[in-house]
Amino acid sequence: MSTTGDDPGRREAASQPSFTALKKASPMGNLGDGRKSALAKYSDFFVGRRGLAALLAYEMCTVVGSSLPGALGYVARGVLYKRLFGRCGGRVQFGRNLALRHPGKMYIGSGTAIDDDCLLDARGTREGGFIIGERVLIARACLIQSKTDAGSVEIGDECSIGGQTTLSSSGGIRLGRYVMIAGQCYIGGGRYHTERVDVPMMKQGVYTRGPVVIGDDVWIGAGGSVMDGVTVGEGAVIGAGAVVTKDIPAYAIATGVPAKVEEAHESAATL
């Protein structure tokens, strides 16, 4: 790759759209900080609150409740887990081996179901910046992460998120109501600066092109990706395996890599 003549350590800057610089939560948090005790580092990374009471409550729920099988585990998790969240409605169902980071920042609506082996990580955001609405289904092995100070997550009522899907919020992710996301999809993400050749890319800082906004009644097919800064309009359909890098109009059908609008489906005729 070519570089500028006056600074061999800098790549030529390609033209880029406007972006927002981000403060990213370290993947290791403060786990390597020798100035803190092991319990303090553990509490900062996983619990999100200091103090023995908060730590014991977290351990009781995640260690005792997480692995209990059968009906006993189902009942125990329903009672124990809701104590960890900032807010939690009634009749919320929690699967086994659920990994939680900073659950006190999360709000979960009534009737929501979170299947086995999911990760919910609110480390990057503020309290109340991680919201899952009512009657939401989050299938097995999903990852929902707030990765930066701008990485809020808001999932509207009655959404369905397929297994092994990742919602990785760097600039914000907002899903409307009745959104259907099939398995193994990827939503969000951020971008690393790459201008310097003398500094590893992971050390150059991250930025985002903005939040992902997905309107009501959107359907995203299996393996689809929607990147940061994209708005998908109400009623749109994203084909399986599509990579969406630009806004998609309401009631459009988009397919391909990168995704292109093929047509409008029949619902558009009623507008």
Protein backbone atom coordinates (compact mmCIF):
# COMPACT_ATOMS: atom_id res chain seq x y z
CA MET A 1 0.00 0.00 0.00
CA SER A 2 1.35 3.42 -0.88
CA THR A 3 2.35 5.94 1.80
CA THR A 4 2.81 9.70 1.93
CA GLY A 5 6.24 11.10 1.16
CA ASP A 6 6.66 13.12 4.37
CA ASP A 7 5.72 10.36 6.82
CA PRO A 8 6.63 6.77 5.97
CA GLY A 9 4.73 5.60 9.00
CA ARG A 10 1.38 6.80 7.67
CA ARG A 11 -0.77 5.31 4.94
CA GLU A 12 -2.43 7.60 2.43
CA ALA A 13 -5.84 8.46 3.83
CA ALA A 14 -8.63 7.17 1.65
CA SER A 15 -11.70 9.39 1.45
CA GLN A 16 -13.95 8.41 4.30
CA PRO A 17 -17.45 9.45 5.35
CA SER A 18 -17.96 11.26 8.62
CA PHE A 19 -17.42 9.11 11.64
CA THR A 20 -17.53 9.17 15.43
CA ALA A 21 -14.47 8.32 17.49
CA LEU A 22 -15.14 5.78 20.22
CA LYS A 23 -13.81 4.70 23.56
CA LYS A 24 -13.80 0.93 23.40
CA ALA A 25 -14.03 -1.35 26.41
CA SER A 26 -10.88 -3.45 26.54
CA PRO A 27 -11.55 -7.15 25.85
CA MET A 28 -9.60 -7.92 29.03
CA GLY A 29 -10.96 -4.98 31.00
CA ASN A 30 -8.73 -4.37 34.04
CA LEU A 31 -7.92 -8.03 34.55
CA GLY A 32 -4.22 -7.34 34.04
CA ASP A 33 -4.09 -4.37 36.45
CA GLY A 34 -1.63 -5.37 39.18
CA ARG A 35 -2.82 -2.54 41.44
CA LYS A 36 -6.19 -4.21 42.03
CA SER A 37 -7.04 -7.32 43.96
CA ALA A 38 -8.32 -10.39 42.11
CA LEU A 39 -11.83 -9.83 43.53
CA ALA A 40 -11.86 -6.18 42.48
CA LYS A 41 -10.81 -7.06 38.94
CA TYR A 42 -13.42 -9.82 38.75
CA SER A 43 -16.15 -7.49 40.03
CA ASP A 44 -15.22 -4.73 37.57
CA PHE A 45 -15.20 -7.06 34.58
CA PHE A 46 -18.22 -9.27 35.28
CA VAL A 47 -20.41 -7.82 38.01
CA GLY A 48 -20.11 -4.11 37.25
CA ARG A 49 -20.59 -3.17 40.91
CA ARG A 50 -18.19 -3.16 43.84
CA GLY A 51 -18.97 -4.64 47.21
CA LEU A 52 -19.27 -8.07 48.76
CA ALA A 53 -23.09 -8.12 48.60
CA ALA A 54 -23.13 -7.48 44.85
CA LEU A 55 -20.45 -10.09 44.26
CA LEU A 56 -22.22 -12.75 46.34
CA ALA A 57 -25.54 -12.09 44.59
CA TYR A 58 -23.85 -12.43 41.20
CA GLU A 59 -22.12 -15.66 42.21
CA MET A 60 -25.27 -17.18 43.65
CA CYS A 61 -27.19 -16.54 40.45
CA THR A 62 -24.57 -17.37 37.85
CA VAL A 63 -22.83 -20.27 39.56
CA VAL A 64 -25.71 -21.96 41.33
CA GLY A 65 -28.53 -21.12 38.94
CA SER A 66 -26.65 -21.30 35.66
CA SER A 67 -25.86 -25.01 35.60
CA LEU A 68 -28.89 -26.51 37.30
CA PRO A 69 -30.66 -28.87 34.87
CA GLY A 70 -34.34 -29.54 34.27
CA ALA A 71 -37.32 -27.97 35.95
CA LEU A 72 -35.36 -27.16 39.11
CA GLY A 73 -32.91 -25.01 37.15
CA TYR A 74 -35.70 -23.36 35.18
CA VAL A 75 -37.49 -22.29 38.37
CA ALA A 76 -34.28 -21.28 40.18
CA ARG A 77 -33.09 -19.06 37.34
CA GLY A 78 -36.48 -17.37 37.11
CA VAL A 79 -36.21 -16.42 40.78
CA LEU A 80 -32.49 -15.66 41.05
CA TYR A 81 -31.51 -13.97 37.80
CA LYS A 82 -34.04 -11.16 37.90
CA ARG A 83 -32.34 -9.82 41.03
CA LEU A 84 -29.23 -8.98 39.00
CA PHE A 85 -30.80 -6.73 36.38
CA GLY A 86 -31.49 -3.02 36.58
CA ARG A 87 -35.09 -3.89 35.72
CA CYS A 88 -36.68 -7.22 34.88
CA GLY A 89 -40.33 -7.89 34.11
CA GLY A 90 -42.34 -10.93 35.03
CA ARG A 91 -42.34 -14.36 33.37
CA VAL A 92 -38.83 -13.94 31.91
CA GLN A 93 -37.25 -17.31 31.04
CA PHE A 94 -33.50 -17.87 31.33
CA GLY A 95 -31.65 -20.81 29.77
CA ARG A 96 -28.60 -22.61 31.12
CA ASN A 97 -25.03 -21.29 30.97
CA LEU A 98 -26.07 -17.68 30.45
CA ALA A 99 -23.04 -15.36 30.67
CA LEU A 100 -23.75 -11.89 32.04
CA ARG A 101 -21.46 -8.87 32.24
CA HIS A 102 -22.70 -5.77 34.08
CA PRO A 103 -26.31 -7.00 34.31
CA GLY A 104 -27.24 -4.06 36.54
CA LYS A 105 -27.18 -1.88 33.40
CA MET A 106 -29.73 -4.09 31.60
CA TYR A 107 -33.52 -3.71 31.41
CA ILE A 108 -35.52 -6.77 30.31
CA GLY A 109 -39.24 -6.73 29.53
CA SER A 110 -41.94 -9.19 30.60
CA GLY A 111 -42.36 -12.51 28.85
CA THR A 112 -38.93 -12.52 27.20
CA ALA A 113 -37.07 -15.83 26.73
CA ILE A 114 -33.26 -16.12 26.57
CA ASP A 115 -32.04 -19.57 25.55
CA ASP A 116 -28.96 -21.55 26.63
CA ASP A 117 -25.35 -20.41 26.14
CA CYS A 118 -26.05 -16.74 25.40
CA LEU A 119 -23.78 -13.81 26.30
CA LEU A 120 -25.26 -10.46 27.36
CA ASP A 121 -22.51 -7.88 27.83
CA ALA A 122 -23.31 -4.27 28.84
CA ARG A 123 -19.79 -3.27 29.90
CA GLY A 124 -19.48 -0.47 27.37
CA THR A 125 -22.70 1.40 28.08
CA ARG A 126 -24.41 3.22 30.93
CA GLU A 127 -27.19 1.91 33.15
CA GLY A 128 -30.36 1.60 31.07
CA GLY A 129 -28.38 1.63 27.82
CA PHE A 130 -29.06 -2.07 27.23
CA ILE A 131 -32.78 -2.73 26.78
CA ILE A 132 -34.56 -5.91 25.68
CA GLY A 133 -38.29 -5.42 25.20
CA GLU A 134 -41.28 -7.58 26.03
CA ARG A 135 -41.93 -11.05 24.58
CA VAL A 136 -38.55 -11.17 22.82
CA LEU A 137 -37.06 -14.54 21.85
CA ILE A 138 -33.26 -14.79 21.92
CA ALA A 139 -32.25 -18.23 20.65
CA ARG A 140 -29.33 -20.41 21.68
CA ALA A 141 -25.73 -19.12 21.66
CA CYS A 142 -26.45 -15.49 20.76
CA LEU A 143 -23.97 -12.73 21.63
CA ILE A 144 -25.32 -9.27 22.41
CA GLN A 145 -22.57 -6.83 23.33
CA SER A 146 -22.18 -3.15 24.11
CA LYS A 147 -18.55 -2.57 23.16
CA THR A 148 -18.05 1.21 23.47
CA ASP A 149 -19.27 4.27 25.31
CA ALA A 150 -21.71 4.87 22.42
CA GLY A 151 -22.76 1.23 22.18
CA SER A 152 -26.32 1.26 23.40
CA VAL A 153 -28.62 -1.69 22.58
CA GLU A 154 -32.38 -1.44 22.24
CA ILE A 155 -34.45 -4.43 21.12
CA GLY A 156 -38.14 -3.73 20.57
CA ASP A 157 -41.08 -5.83 21.70
CA GLU A 158 -41.80 -9.21 20.12
CA CYS A 159 -38.55 -9.55 18.20
CA SER A 160 -37.09 -12.97 17.37
CA ILE A 161 -33.31 -13.39 17.18
CA GLY A 162 -32.03 -16.67 15.72
CA GLY A 163 -29.32 -18.89 17.14
CA GLN A 164 -25.63 -17.92 16.98
CA THR A 165 -26.47 -14.36 15.98
CA THR A 166 -24.20 -11.51 17.11
CA LEU A 167 -25.34 -7.98 17.91
CA SER A 168 -22.11 -6.04 18.40
CA SER A 169 -22.89 -2.44 19.28
CA SER A 170 -20.16 0.13 18.77
CA GLY A 171 -22.29 3.10 17.67
CA GLY A 172 -25.68 1.87 18.88
CA ILE A 173 -28.14 -0.78 17.72
CA ARG A 174 -31.89 -0.19 17.71
CA LEU A 175 -34.40 -2.83 16.58
CA GLY A 176 -38.04 -1.93 16.14
CA ARG A 177 -40.96 -4.22 16.97
CA TYR A 178 -41.58 -7.60 15.32
CA VAL A 179 -38.08 -7.80 13.82
CA MET A 180 -37.13 -11.34 12.73
CA ILE A 181 -33.42 -12.17 12.55
CA ALA A 182 -32.51 -15.66 11.40
CA GLY A 183 -29.57 -17.72 12.65
CA GLN A 184 -25.89 -16.79 12.33
CA CYS A 185 -26.48 -13.13 11.45
CA TYR A 186 -24.19 -10.24 12.36
CA ILE A 187 -25.49 -6.77 13.23
CA GLY A 188 -23.40 -3.70 13.98
CA GLY A 189 -19.66 -3.63 14.50
CA GLY A 190 -17.15 -0.80 14.39
CA ARG A 191 -14.02 0.00 12.43
CA TYR A 192 -10.34 0.28 13.25
CA HIS A 193 -8.20 3.11 11.97
CA THR A 194 -5.62 1.75 9.55
CA GLU A 195 -3.71 4.87 8.50
CA ARG A 196 -0.42 4.06 10.23
CA VAL A 197 1.81 1.20 9.15
CA ASP A 198 4.13 1.56 12.16
CA VAL A 199 1.34 1.00 14.71
CA PRO A 200 -0.71 -2.23 14.94
CA MET A 201 -4.27 -1.64 13.76
CA MET A 202 -5.71 -2.80 17.06
CA LYS A 203 -3.78 0.03 18.77
CA GLN A 204 -4.91 2.84 16.45
CA GLY A 205 -8.36 3.36 17.93
CA VAL A 206 -11.85 2.62 16.67
CA TYR A 207 -14.63 4.64 15.07
CA THR A 208 -18.13 4.10 13.79
CA ARG A 209 -20.23 5.41 10.92
CA GLY A 210 -23.19 5.63 13.26
CA PRO A 211 -25.92 3.46 14.78
CA VAL A 212 -27.69 0.54 13.17
CA VAL A 213 -31.43 1.26 13.02
CA ILE A 214 -33.76 -1.53 11.95
CA GLY A 215 -37.41 -0.62 11.56
CA ASP A 216 -40.52 -2.51 12.57
CA ASP A 217 -41.42 -5.80 10.88
CA VAL A 218 -38.04 -6.36 9.18
CA TRP A 219 -36.92 -9.88 8.23
CA ILE A 220 -33.19 -10.66 7.95
CA GLY A 221 -32.37 -14.03 6.38
CA ALA A 222 -29.86 -16.57 7.68
CA GLY A 223 -26.25 -15.40 7.68
CA GLY A 224 -27.12 -11.80 6.83
CA SER A 225 -25.00 -8.88 8.02
CA VAL A 226 -26.03 -5.26 8.65
CA MET A 227 -23.07 -2.95 9.20
CA ASP A 228 -22.71 0.20 11.31
CA GLY A 229 -24.32 3.40 10.08
CA VAL A 230 -27.10 1.57 8.20
CA THR A 231 -30.86 2.14 8.48
CA VAL A 232 -33.17 -0.64 7.29
CA GLY A 233 -36.66 0.68 6.67
CA GLU A 234 -39.90 -0.75 8.01
CA GLY A 235 -41.08 -3.96 6.40
CA ALA A 236 -37.87 -4.59 4.45
CA VAL A 237 -36.59 -8.10 3.70
CA ILE A 238 -32.84 -8.84 3.68
CA GLY A 239 -31.91 -12.03 1.82
CA ALA A 240 -29.87 -14.85 3.30
CA GLY A 241 -26.14 -14.13 3.27
CA ALA A 242 -26.57 -10.48 2.24
CA VAL A 243 -24.13 -7.84 3.53
CA VAL A 244 -25.91 -4.52 4.01
CA THR A 245 -23.57 -1.53 3.84
CA LYS A 246 -26.05 1.19 2.78
CA ASP A 247 -29.54 2.23 3.83
CA ILE A 248 -32.42 0.03 2.65
CA PRO A 249 -35.81 1.68 1.95
CA ALA A 250 -39.02 0.57 3.61
CA TYR A 251 -40.64 -2.56 2.11
CA ALA A 252 -37.65 -3.24 -0.15
CA ILE A 253 -36.12 -6.67 -0.80
CA ALA A 254 -32.32 -6.57 -0.77
CA THR A 255 -29.91 -9.38 -1.61
CA GLY A 256 -26.26 -9.94 -2.44
CA VAL A 257 -22.79 -8.81 -1.35
CA PRO A 258 -22.92 -5.89 -1.02
CA ALA A 259 -26.71 -5.91 -0.75
CA LYS A 260 -28.68 -4.25 -3.53
CA VAL A 261 -32.39 -3.52 -3.67
CA GLU A 262 -34.05 -5.99 -6.03
CA GLU A 263 -37.69 -5.00 -5.69
CA ALA A 264 -40.41 -3.93 -3.30
CA HIS A 265 -42.61 -6.63 -1.88
CA GLU A 266 -46.38 -6.59 -1.99
CA SER A 267 -46.87 -4.70 1.27
CA ALA A 268 -45.51 -1.60 -0.42
CA ALA A 269 -48.57 -1.49 -2.67
CA THR A 270 -50.71 -0.59 0.31
CA LEU A 271 -48.73 2.56 1.15
